[in-house]
Amino acid sequence: MSRVKEIFAKSRRLAVLRFLSEGAGYELNTSVLRSALDVIGFNCSRCAVESECLYLEECGLVQVENIEGTGVVSVKLTERGLAVAKGDVFHPCVDRPSPPRS
């Protein structure tokens, strides 16, 4: 992966974790995540969002569940994923959040 693509991927992953941290029960479906990512400039397909979420699951940061018979993919933040989203824990595949503005 090129350096530029890796920068975008790490930033996109942080955005996914942050959106999940704001969701009810720390959980959203991939359609909602895709729409949220579009709003902040990450125009990507639902398939790309699902792939990214599966990668985050391999890293132990989210749990992905296909809801049988619905075509809906639900993504839930893990405790470790929340710590990464807040910047309390570093993970090499996710951008580190900026410090809060004063």
PDB file of N, CA and C in Angstrom:
ATOM      1  N   MET A   1       0.854  -1.176   0.000  1.00  0.00           N
ATOM      2  CA  MET A   1       0.000   0.000   0.000  1.00  0.00           C
ATOM      3  C   MET A   1       0.897   1.236   0.000  1.00  0.00           C
ATOM      4  N   SER A   2       0.548   2.226  -0.841  1.00  0.00           N
ATOM      5  CA  SER A   2       1.352   3.446  -0.891  1.00  0.00           C
ATOM      6  C   SER A   2       1.197   4.226   0.413  1.00  0.00           C
ATOM      7  N   ARG A   3       2.136   5.079   0.670  1.00  0.00           N
ATOM      8  CA  ARG A   3       2.136   5.877   1.902  1.00  0.00           C
ATOM      9  C   ARG A   3       0.863   6.732   2.007  1.00  0.00           C
ATOM     10  N   VAL A   4       0.457   7.344   0.897  1.00  0.00           N
ATOM     11  CA  VAL A   4      -0.742   8.182   0.899  1.00  0.00           C
ATOM     12  C   VAL A   4      -1.984   7.346   1.199  1.00  0.00           C
ATOM     13  N   LYS A   5      -2.104   6.177   0.565  1.00  0.00           N
ATOM     14  CA  LYS A   5      -3.251   5.307   0.819  1.00  0.00           C
ATOM     15  C   LYS A   5      -3.286   4.864   2.279  1.00  0.00           C
ATOM     16  N   GLU A   6      -2.126   4.593   2.846  1.00  0.00           N
ATOM     17  CA  GLU A   6      -2.053   4.178   4.251  1.00  0.00           C
ATOM     18  C   GLU A   6      -2.487   5.316   5.178  1.00  0.00           C
ATOM     19  N   ILE A   7      -2.111   6.537   4.866  1.00  0.00           N
ATOM     20  CA  ILE A   7      -2.532   7.700   5.671  1.00  0.00           C
ATOM     21  C   ILE A   7      -4.054   7.809   5.660  1.00  0.00           C
ATOM     22  N   PHE A   8      -4.666   7.701   4.464  1.00  0.00           N
ATOM     23  CA  PHE A   8      -6.123   7.763   4.363  1.00  0.00           C
ATOM     24  C   PHE A   8      -6.786   6.601   5.102  1.00  0.00           C
ATOM     25  N   ALA A   9      -6.225   5.409   4.971  1.00  0.00           N
ATOM     26  CA  ALA A   9      -6.813   4.228   5.620  1.00  0.00           C
ATOM     27  C   ALA A   9      -6.790   4.377   7.140  1.00  0.00           C
ATOM     28  N   LYS A  10      -5.677   4.820   7.686  1.00  0.00           N
ATOM     29  CA  LYS A  10      -5.581   4.984   9.145  1.00  0.00           C
ATOM     30  C   LYS A  10      -6.544   6.049   9.652  1.00  0.00           C
ATOM     31  N   SER A  11      -6.690   7.119   8.894  1.00  0.00           N
ATOM     32  CA  SER A  11      -7.619   8.183   9.266  1.00  0.00           C
ATOM     33  C   SER A  11      -9.066   7.699   9.174  1.00  0.00           C
ATOM     34  N   ARG A  12      -9.385   6.946   8.127  1.00  0.00           N
ATOM     35  CA  ARG A  12     -10.727   6.396   7.951  1.00  0.00           C
ATOM     36  C   ARG A  12     -11.063   5.434   9.094  1.00  0.00           C
ATOM     37  N   ARG A  13     -10.105   4.621   9.486  1.00  0.00           N
ATOM     38  CA  ARG A  13     -10.339   3.672  10.596  1.00  0.00           C
ATOM     39  C   ARG A  13     -10.620   4.411  11.903  1.00  0.00           C
ATOM     40  N   LEU A  14      -9.874   5.491  12.147  1.00  0.00           N
ATOM     41  CA  LEU A  14     -10.135   6.288  13.347  1.00  0.00           C
ATOM     42  C   LEU A  14     -11.547   6.862  13.289  1.00  0.00           C
ATOM     43  N   ALA A  15     -11.956   7.356  12.125  1.00  0.00           N
ATOM     44  CA  ALA A  15     -13.302   7.910  11.982  1.00  0.00           C
ATOM     45  C   ALA A  15     -14.356   6.848  12.284  1.00  0.00           C
ATOM     46  N   VAL A  16     -14.162   5.635  11.784  1.00  0.00           N
ATOM     47  CA  VAL A  16     -15.109   4.545  12.065  1.00  0.00           C
ATOM     48  C   VAL A  16     -15.205   4.314  13.569  1.00  0.00           C
ATOM     49  N   LEU A  17     -14.080   4.229  14.242  1.00  0.00           N
ATOM     50  CA  LEU A  17     -14.086   3.997  15.690  1.00  0.00           C
ATOM     51  C   LEU A  17     -14.760   5.147  16.431  1.00  0.00           C
ATOM     52  N   ARG A  18     -14.513   6.364  15.995  1.00  0.00           N
ATOM     53  CA  ARG A  18     -15.135   7.521  16.659  1.00  0.00           C
ATOM     54  C   ARG A  18     -16.642   7.542  16.443  1.00  0.00           C
ATOM     55  N   PHE A  19     -17.090   7.231  15.233  1.00  0.00           N
ATOM     56  CA  PHE A  19     -18.537   7.163  14.995  1.00  0.00           C
ATOM     57  C   PHE A  19     -19.171   6.092  15.874  1.00  0.00           C
ATOM     58  N   LEU A  20     -18.526   4.942  15.969  1.00  0.00           N
ATOM     59  CA  LEU A  20     -19.056   3.875  16.821  1.00  0.00           C
ATOM     60  C   LEU A  20     -19.093   4.304  18.281  1.00  0.00           C
ATOM     61  N   SER A  21     -18.112   5.085  18.716  1.00  0.00           N
ATOM     62  CA  SER A  21     -18.073   5.523  20.117  1.00  0.00           C
ATOM     63  C   SER A  21     -19.238   6.457  20.442  1.00  0.00           C
ATOM     64  N   GLU A  22     -19.839   7.057  19.414  1.00  0.00           N
ATOM     65  CA  GLU A  22     -20.971   7.956  19.617  1.00  0.00           C
ATOM     66  C   GLU A  22     -22.313   7.276  19.379  1.00  0.00           C
ATOM     67  N   GLY A  23     -22.302   6.055  18.857  1.00  0.00           N
ATOM     68  CA  GLY A  23     -23.534   5.334  18.566  1.00  0.00           C
ATOM     69  C   GLY A  23     -24.176   4.765  19.816  1.00  0.00           C
ATOM     70  N   ALA A  24     -25.485   4.589  19.751  1.00  0.00           N
ATOM     71  CA  ALA A  24     -26.208   3.971  20.868  1.00  0.00           C
ATOM     72  C   ALA A  24     -25.677   2.559  21.073  1.00  0.00           C
ATOM     73  N   GLY A  25     -25.229   2.267  22.262  1.00  0.00           N
ATOM     74  CA  GLY A  25     -24.677   0.947  22.556  1.00  0.00           C
ATOM     75  C   GLY A  25     -23.367   0.685  21.832  1.00  0.00           C
ATOM     76  N   TYR A  26     -22.704   1.752  21.379  1.00  0.00           N
ATOM     77  CA  TYR A  26     -21.427   1.633  20.658  1.00  0.00           C
ATOM     78  C   TYR A  26     -21.562   0.769  19.412  1.00  0.00           C
ATOM     79  N   GLU A  27     -22.718   0.857  18.751  1.00  0.00           N
ATOM     80  CA  GLU A  27     -22.994  -0.041  17.627  1.00  0.00           C
ATOM     81  C   GLU A  27     -23.706   0.718  16.509  1.00  0.00           C
ATOM     82  N   LEU A  28     -23.285   0.467  15.272  1.00  0.00           N
ATOM     83  CA  LEU A  28     -23.931   1.022  14.082  1.00  0.00           C
ATOM     84  C   LEU A  28     -23.879  -0.023  12.979  1.00  0.00           C
ATOM     85  N   ASN A  29     -24.717   0.140  11.960  1.00  0.00           N
ATOM     86  CA  ASN A  29     -24.597  -0.766  10.824  1.00  0.00           C
ATOM     87  C   ASN A  29     -23.723  -0.109   9.752  1.00  0.00           C
ATOM     88  N   THR A  30     -23.273  -0.902   8.804  1.00  0.00           N
ATOM     89  CA  THR A  30     -22.320  -0.399   7.809  1.00  0.00           C
ATOM     90  C   THR A  30     -22.934   0.650   6.884  1.00  0.00           C
ATOM     91  N   SER A  31     -24.232   0.622   6.688  1.00  0.00           N
ATOM     92  CA  SER A  31     -24.874   1.651   5.863  1.00  0.00           C
ATOM     93  C   SER A  31     -24.780   3.017   6.544  1.00  0.00           C
ATOM     94  N   VAL A  32     -25.028   3.047   7.835  1.00  0.00           N
ATOM     95  CA  VAL A  32     -24.917   4.298   8.594  1.00  0.00           C
ATOM     96  C   VAL A  32     -23.460   4.759   8.628  1.00  0.00           C
ATOM     97  N   LEU A  33     -22.544   3.823   8.853  1.00  0.00           N
ATOM     98  CA  LEU A  33     -21.122   4.186   8.851  1.00  0.00           C
ATOM     99  C   LEU A  33     -20.702   4.764   7.502  1.00  0.00           C
ATOM    100  N   ARG A  34     -21.169   4.162   6.423  1.00  0.00           N
ATOM    101  CA  ARG A  34     -20.840   4.658   5.081  1.00  0.00           C
ATOM    102  C   ARG A  34     -21.334   6.086   4.905  1.00  0.00           C
ATOM    103  N   SER A  35     -22.567   6.352   5.302  1.00  0.00           N
ATOM    104  CA  SER A  35     -23.133   7.704   5.187  1.00  0.00           C
ATOM    105  C   SER A  35     -22.348   8.705   6.024  1.00  0.00           C
ATOM    106  N   ALA A  36     -21.991   8.304   7.238  1.00  0.00           N
ATOM    107  CA  ALA A  36     -21.219   9.193   8.117  1.00  0.00           C
ATOM    108  C   ALA A  36     -19.842   9.478   7.518  1.00  0.00           C
ATOM    109  N   LEU A  37     -19.199   8.460   6.969  1.00  0.00           N
ATOM    110  CA  LEU A  37     -17.889   8.650   6.339  1.00  0.00           C
ATOM    111  C   LEU A  37     -17.999   9.569   5.121  1.00  0.00           C
ATOM    112  N   ASP A  38     -19.081   9.443   4.365  1.00  0.00           N
ATOM    113  CA  ASP A  38     -19.296  10.320   3.207  1.00  0.00           C
ATOM    114  C   ASP A  38     -19.372  11.786   3.636  1.00  0.00           C
ATOM    115  N   VAL A  39     -20.051  12.052   4.741  1.00  0.00           N
ATOM    116  CA  VAL A  39     -20.221  13.422   5.230  1.00  0.00           C
ATOM    117  C   VAL A  39     -18.875  14.079   5.524  1.00  0.00           C
ATOM    118  N   ILE A  40     -17.909  13.304   6.006  1.00  0.00           N
ATOM    119  CA  ILE A  40     -16.612  13.898   6.346  1.00  0.00           C
ATOM    120  C   ILE A  40     -15.561  13.697   5.252  1.00  0.00           C
ATOM    121  N   GLY A  41     -16.001  13.312   4.062  1.00  0.00           N
ATOM    122  CA  GLY A  41     -15.107  13.287   2.913  1.00  0.00           C
ATOM    123  C   GLY A  41     -14.491  11.962   2.532  1.00  0.00           C
ATOM    124  N   PHE A  42     -14.845  10.898   3.203  1.00  0.00           N
ATOM    125  CA  PHE A  42     -14.362   9.563   2.834  1.00  0.00           C
ATOM    126  C   PHE A  42     -15.420   8.881   1.983  1.00  0.00           C
ATOM    127  N   ASN A  43     -15.461   9.219   0.727  1.00  0.00           N
ATOM    128  CA  ASN A  43     -16.450   8.635  -0.175  1.00  0.00           C
ATOM    129  C   ASN A  43     -16.014   7.213  -0.528  1.00  0.00           C
ATOM    130  N   CYS A  44     -16.700   6.239   0.058  1.00  0.00           N
ATOM    131  CA  CYS A  44     -16.352   4.848  -0.210  1.00  0.00           C
ATOM    132  C   CYS A  44     -17.624   4.008  -0.255  1.00  0.00           C
ATOM    133  N   SER A  45     -17.519   2.871  -0.885  1.00  0.00           N
ATOM    134  CA  SER A  45     -18.670   1.979  -1.027  1.00  0.00           C
ATOM    135  C   SER A  45     -18.970   1.269   0.293  1.00  0.00           C
ATOM    136  N   ARG A  46     -20.168   0.719   0.384  1.00  0.00           N
ATOM    137  CA  ARG A  46     -20.540  -0.065   1.564  1.00  0.00           C
ATOM    138  C   ARG A  46     -19.636  -1.291   1.684  1.00  0.00           C
ATOM    139  N   CYS A  47     -19.279  -1.870   0.554  1.00  0.00           N
ATOM    140  CA  CYS A  47     -18.371  -3.023   0.543  1.00  0.00           C
ATOM    141  C   CYS A  47     -17.015  -2.645   1.129  1.00  0.00           C
ATOM    142  N   ALA A  48     -16.518  -1.465   0.776  1.00  0.00           N
ATOM    143  CA  ALA A  48     -15.231  -0.997   1.311  1.00  0.00           C
ATOM    144  C   ALA A  48     -15.321  -0.769   2.818  1.00  0.00           C
ATOM    145  N   VAL A  49     -16.452  -0.243   3.269  1.00  0.00           N
ATOM    146  CA  VAL A  49     -16.655  -0.026   4.710  1.00  0.00           C
ATOM    147  C   VAL A  49     -16.683  -1.370   5.432  1.00  0.00           C
ATOM    148  N   GLU A  50     -17.381  -2.349   4.852  1.00  0.00           N
ATOM    149  CA  GLU A  50     -17.430  -3.682   5.462  1.00  0.00           C
ATOM    150  C   GLU A  50     -16.039  -4.302   5.527  1.00  0.00           C
ATOM    151  N   SER A  51     -15.250  -4.150   4.483  1.00  0.00           N
ATOM    152  CA  SER A  51     -13.875  -4.679   4.480  1.00  0.00           C
ATOM    153  C   SER A  51     -13.043  -4.020   5.569  1.00  0.00           C
ATOM    154  N   GLU A  52     -13.192  -2.712   5.697  1.00  0.00           N
ATOM    155  CA  GLU A  52     -12.453  -1.975   6.731  1.00  0.00           C
ATOM    156  C   GLU A  52     -12.856  -2.460   8.123  1.00  0.00           C
ATOM    157  N   CYS A  53     -14.156  -2.691   8.307  1.00  0.00           N
ATOM    158  CA  CYS A  53     -14.639  -3.166   9.605  1.00  0.00           C
ATOM    159  C   CYS A  53     -14.129  -4.570   9.905  1.00  0.00           C
ATOM    160  N   LEU A  54     -14.052  -5.420   8.897  1.00  0.00           N
ATOM    161  CA  LEU A  54     -13.499  -6.765   9.105  1.00  0.00           C
ATOM    162  C   LEU A  54     -12.022  -6.684   9.492  1.00  0.00           C
ATOM    163  N   TYR A  55     -11.302  -5.744   8.903  1.00  0.00           N
ATOM    164  CA  TYR A  55      -9.904  -5.542   9.279  1.00  0.00           C
ATOM    165  C   TYR A  55      -9.800  -5.077  10.732  1.00  0.00           C
ATOM    166  N   LEU A  56     -10.663  -4.145  11.119  1.00  0.00           N
ATOM    167  CA  LEU A  56     -10.668  -3.672  12.509  1.00  0.00           C
ATOM    168  C   LEU A  56     -11.044  -4.797  13.472  1.00  0.00           C
ATOM    169  N   GLU A  57     -11.890  -5.726  13.005  1.00  0.00           N
ATOM    170  CA  GLU A  57     -12.238  -6.880  13.833  1.00  0.00           C
ATOM    171  C   GLU A  57     -11.009  -7.771  14.037  1.00  0.00           C
ATOM    172  N   GLU A  58     -10.233  -7.981  12.981  1.00  0.00           N
ATOM    173  CA  GLU A  58      -8.997  -8.771  13.102  1.00  0.00           C
ATOM    174  C   GLU A  58      -8.036  -8.142  14.117  1.00  0.00           C
ATOM    175  N   CYS A  59      -8.099  -6.824  14.235  1.00  0.00           N
ATOM    176  CA  CYS A  59      -7.240  -6.095  15.174  1.00  0.00           C
ATOM    177  C   CYS A  59      -7.816  -6.094  16.591  1.00  0.00           C
ATOM    178  N   GLY A  60      -9.027  -6.634  16.763  1.00  0.00           N
ATOM    179  CA  GLY A  60      -9.649  -6.695  18.085  1.00  0.00           C
ATOM    180  C   GLY A  60     -10.307  -5.391  18.509  1.00  0.00           C
ATOM    181  N   LEU A  61     -10.607  -4.505  17.547  1.00  0.00           N
ATOM    182  CA  LEU A  61     -11.151  -3.195  17.885  1.00  0.00           C
ATOM    183  C   LEU A  61     -12.663  -3.104  17.722  1.00  0.00           C
ATOM    184  N   VAL A  62     -13.239  -4.002  16.942  1.00  0.00           N
ATOM    185  CA  VAL A  62     -14.693  -4.058  16.757  1.00  0.00           C
ATOM    186  C   VAL A  62     -15.128  -5.518  16.646  1.00  0.00           C
ATOM    187  N   GLN A  63     -16.438  -5.722  16.741  1.00  0.00           N
ATOM    188  CA  GLN A  63     -17.052  -7.022  16.464  1.00  0.00           C
ATOM    189  C   GLN A  63     -18.030  -6.820  15.322  1.00  0.00           C
ATOM    190  N   VAL A  64     -17.955  -7.661  14.310  1.00  0.00           N
ATOM    191  CA  VAL A  64     -18.816  -7.555  13.139  1.00  0.00           C
ATOM    192  C   VAL A  64     -19.791  -8.723  13.147  1.00  0.00           C
ATOM    193  N   GLU A  65     -21.071  -8.413  12.880  1.00  0.00           N
ATOM    194  CA  GLU A  65     -22.087  -9.460  12.849  1.00  0.00           C
ATOM    195  C   GLU A  65     -22.982  -9.261  11.633  1.00  0.00           C
ATOM    196  N   ASN A  66     -23.114 -10.309  10.836  1.00  0.00           N
ATOM    197  CA  ASN A  66     -24.087 -10.314   9.745  1.00  0.00           C
ATOM    198  C   ASN A  66     -25.420 -10.735  10.343  1.00  0.00           C
ATOM    199  N   ILE A  67     -26.411  -9.879  10.267  1.00  0.00           N
ATOM    200  CA  ILE A  67     -27.719 -10.198  10.821  1.00  0.00           C
ATOM    201  C   ILE A  67     -28.455 -11.046   9.789  1.00  0.00           C
ATOM    202  N   GLU A  68     -28.605 -12.309  10.124  1.00  0.00           N
ATOM    203  CA  GLU A  68     -29.105 -13.323   9.199  1.00  0.00           C
ATOM    204  C   GLU A  68     -30.428 -12.937   8.541  1.00  0.00           C
ATOM    205  N   GLY A  69     -30.461 -13.104   7.222  1.00  0.00           N
ATOM    206  CA  GLY A  69     -31.674 -12.875   6.464  1.00  0.00           C
ATOM    207  C   GLY A  69     -32.018 -11.420   6.192  1.00  0.00           C
ATOM    208  N   THR A  70     -31.163 -10.498   6.621  1.00  0.00           N
ATOM    209  CA  THR A  70     -31.498  -9.077   6.455  1.00  0.00           C
ATOM    210  C   THR A  70     -30.548  -8.350   5.510  1.00  0.00           C
ATOM    211  N   GLY A  71     -29.359  -8.865   5.326  1.00  0.00           N
ATOM    212  CA  GLY A  71     -28.353  -8.163   4.538  1.00  0.00           C
ATOM    213  C   GLY A  71     -27.685  -7.040   5.312  1.00  0.00           C
ATOM    214  N   VAL A  72     -28.039  -6.906   6.576  1.00  0.00           N
ATOM    215  CA  VAL A  72     -27.479  -5.850   7.424  1.00  0.00           C
ATOM    216  C   VAL A  72     -26.233  -6.373   8.131  1.00  0.00           C
ATOM    217  N   VAL A  73     -25.185  -5.550   8.125  1.00  0.00           N
ATOM    218  CA  VAL A  73     -23.960  -5.880   8.847  1.00  0.00           C
ATOM    219  C   VAL A  73     -23.837  -4.886   9.997  1.00  0.00           C
ATOM    220  N   SER A  74     -23.841  -5.408  11.210  1.00  0.00           N
ATOM    221  CA  SER A  74     -23.749  -4.593  12.414  1.00  0.00           C
ATOM    222  C   SER A  74     -22.309  -4.600  12.924  1.00  0.00           C
ATOM    223  N   VAL A  75     -21.855  -3.452  13.382  1.00  0.00           N
ATOM    224  CA  VAL A  75     -20.480  -3.312  13.878  1.00  0.00           C
ATOM    225  C   VAL A  75     -20.547  -2.727  15.281  1.00  0.00           C
ATOM    226  N   LYS A  76     -19.889  -3.399  16.224  1.00  0.00           N
ATOM    227  CA  LYS A  76     -19.904  -2.958  17.616  1.00  0.00           C
ATOM    228  C   LYS A  76     -18.473  -2.723  18.099  1.00  0.00           C
ATOM    229  N   LEU A  77     -18.278  -1.620  18.770  1.00  0.00           N
ATOM    230  CA  LEU A  77     -16.979  -1.237  19.292  1.00  0.00           C
ATOM    231  C   LEU A  77     -16.610  -2.098  20.496  1.00  0.00           C
ATOM    232  N   THR A  78     -15.366  -2.555  20.561  1.00  0.00           N
ATOM    233  CA  THR A  78     -14.893  -3.278  21.738  1.00  0.00           C
ATOM    234  C   THR A  78     -14.313  -2.268  22.729  1.00  0.00           C
ATOM    235  N   GLU A  79     -14.044  -2.738  23.918  1.00  0.00           N
ATOM    236  CA  GLU A  79     -13.443  -1.878  24.933  1.00  0.00           C
ATOM    237  C   GLU A  79     -12.095  -1.337  24.443  1.00  0.00           C
ATOM    238  N   ARG A  80     -11.324  -2.200  23.816  1.00  0.00           N
ATOM    239  CA  ARG A  80     -10.031  -1.782  23.268  1.00  0.00           C
ATOM    240  C   ARG A  80     -10.219  -0.761  22.141  1.00  0.00           C
ATOM    241  N   GLY A  81     -11.231  -0.971  21.304  1.00  0.00           N
ATOM    242  CA  GLY A  81     -11.530  -0.035  20.232  1.00  0.00           C
ATOM    243  C   GLY A  81     -11.896   1.338  20.769  1.00  0.00           C
ATOM    244  N   LEU A  82     -12.641   1.376  21.863  1.00  0.00           N
ATOM    245  CA  LEU A  82     -13.004   2.645  22.491  1.00  0.00           C
ATOM    246  C   LEU A  82     -11.758   3.359  23.012  1.00  0.00           C
ATOM    247  N   ALA A  83     -10.857   2.609  23.609  1.00  0.00           N
ATOM    248  CA  ALA A  83      -9.613   3.204  24.111  1.00  0.00           C
ATOM    249  C   ALA A  83      -8.780   3.790  22.971  1.00  0.00           C
ATOM    250  N   VAL A  84      -8.761   3.109  21.830  1.00  0.00           N
ATOM    251  CA  VAL A  84      -8.036   3.611  20.661  1.00  0.00           C
ATOM    252  C   VAL A  84      -8.726   4.862  20.118  1.00  0.00           C
ATOM    253  N   ALA A  85     -10.047   4.854  20.048  1.00  0.00           N
ATOM    254  CA  ALA A  85     -10.810   6.003  19.548  1.00  0.00           C
ATOM    255  C   ALA A  85     -10.564   7.247  20.400  1.00  0.00           C
ATOM    256  N   LYS A  86     -10.414   7.047  21.702  1.00  0.00           N
ATOM    257  CA  LYS A  86     -10.172   8.165  22.620  1.00  0.00           C
ATOM    258  C   LYS A  86      -8.718   8.617  22.621  1.00  0.00           C
ATOM    259  N   GLY A  87      -7.835   7.778  22.103  1.00  0.00           N
ATOM    260  CA  GLY A  87      -6.415   8.107  22.127  1.00  0.00           C
ATOM    261  C   GLY A  87      -5.704   7.631  23.378  1.00  0.00           C
ATOM    262  N   ASP A  88      -6.401   6.832  24.189  1.00  0.00           N
ATOM    263  CA  ASP A  88      -5.798   6.305  25.419  1.00  0.00           C
ATOM    264  C   ASP A  88      -4.815   5.180  25.128  1.00  0.00           C
ATOM    265  N   VAL A  89      -5.027   4.484  24.006  1.00  0.00           N
ATOM    266  CA  VAL A  89      -4.183   3.363  23.594  1.00  0.00           C
ATOM    267  C   VAL A  89      -3.809   3.578  22.139  1.00  0.00           C
ATOM    268  N   PHE A  90      -2.567   3.289  21.801  1.00  0.00           N
ATOM    269  CA  PHE A  90      -2.104   3.411  20.417  1.00  0.00           C
ATOM    270  C   PHE A  90      -2.257   2.072  19.710  1.00  0.00           C
ATOM    271  N   HIS A  91      -2.716   2.128  18.466  1.00  0.00           N
ATOM    272  CA  HIS A  91      -2.738   0.943  17.607  1.00  0.00           C
ATOM    273  C   HIS A  91      -2.152   1.352  16.269  1.00  0.00           C
ATOM    274  N   PRO A  92      -1.185   0.593  15.741  1.00  0.00           N
ATOM    275  CA  PRO A  92      -0.486   1.007  14.519  1.00  0.00           C
ATOM    276  C   PRO A  92      -1.348   1.082  13.260  1.00  0.00           C
ATOM    277  N   CYS A  93      -2.508   0.447  13.239  1.00  0.00           N
ATOM    278  CA  CYS A  93      -3.340   0.485  12.029  1.00  0.00           C
ATOM    279  C   CYS A  93      -4.348   1.632  12.051  1.00  0.00           C
ATOM    280  N   VAL A  94      -4.364   2.418  13.135  1.00  0.00           N
ATOM    281  CA  VAL A  94      -5.352   3.492  13.300  1.00  0.00           C
ATOM    282  C   VAL A  94      -4.617   4.786  13.609  1.00  0.00           C
ATOM    283  N   ASP A  95      -5.056   5.859  12.960  1.00  0.00           N
ATOM    284  CA  ASP A  95      -4.501   7.179  13.233  1.00  0.00           C
ATOM    285  C   ASP A  95      -4.740   7.547  14.693  1.00  0.00           C
ATOM    286  N   ARG A  96      -3.820   8.270  15.259  1.00  0.00           N
ATOM    287  CA  ARG A  96      -3.992   8.725  16.641  1.00  0.00           C
ATOM    288  C   ARG A  96      -4.793  10.016  16.624  1.00  0.00           C
ATOM    289  N   PRO A  97      -5.821  10.143  17.478  1.00  0.00           N
ATOM    290  CA  PRO A  97      -6.621  11.371  17.464  1.00  0.00           C
ATOM    291  C   PRO A  97      -5.815  12.572  17.956  1.00  0.00           C
ATOM    292  N   SER A  98      -6.179  13.737  17.450  1.00  0.00           N
ATOM    293  CA  SER A  98      -5.548  14.972  17.897  1.00  0.00           C
ATOM    294  C   SER A  98      -6.001  15.274  19.311  1.00  0.00           C
ATOM    295  N   PRO A  99      -5.181  16.002  20.067  1.00  0.00           N
ATOM    296  CA  PRO A  99      -5.615  16.374  21.419  1.00  0.00           C
ATOM    297  C   PRO A  99      -6.819  17.321  21.353  1.00  0.00           C
ATOM    298  N   PRO A 100      -7.626  17.338  22.401  1.00  0.00           N
ATOM    299  CA  PRO A 100      -8.803  18.226  22.403  1.00  0.00           C
ATOM    300  C   PRO A 100      -8.364  19.698  22.286  1.00  0.00           C
ATOM    301  N   ARG A 101      -9.197  20.467  21.609  1.00  0.00           N
ATOM    302  CA  ARG A 101      -8.918  21.894  21.491  1.00  0.00           C
ATOM    303  C   ARG A 101      -9.266  22.589  22.792  1.00  0.00           C
ATOM    304  N   SER A 102      -8.480  23.634  23.112  1.00  0.00           N
ATOM    305  CA  SER A 102      -8.782  24.361  24.346  1.00  0.00           C
ATOM    306  C   SER A 102      -9.627  25.573  24.105  1.00  0.00           C
TER     307      SER A 102
END
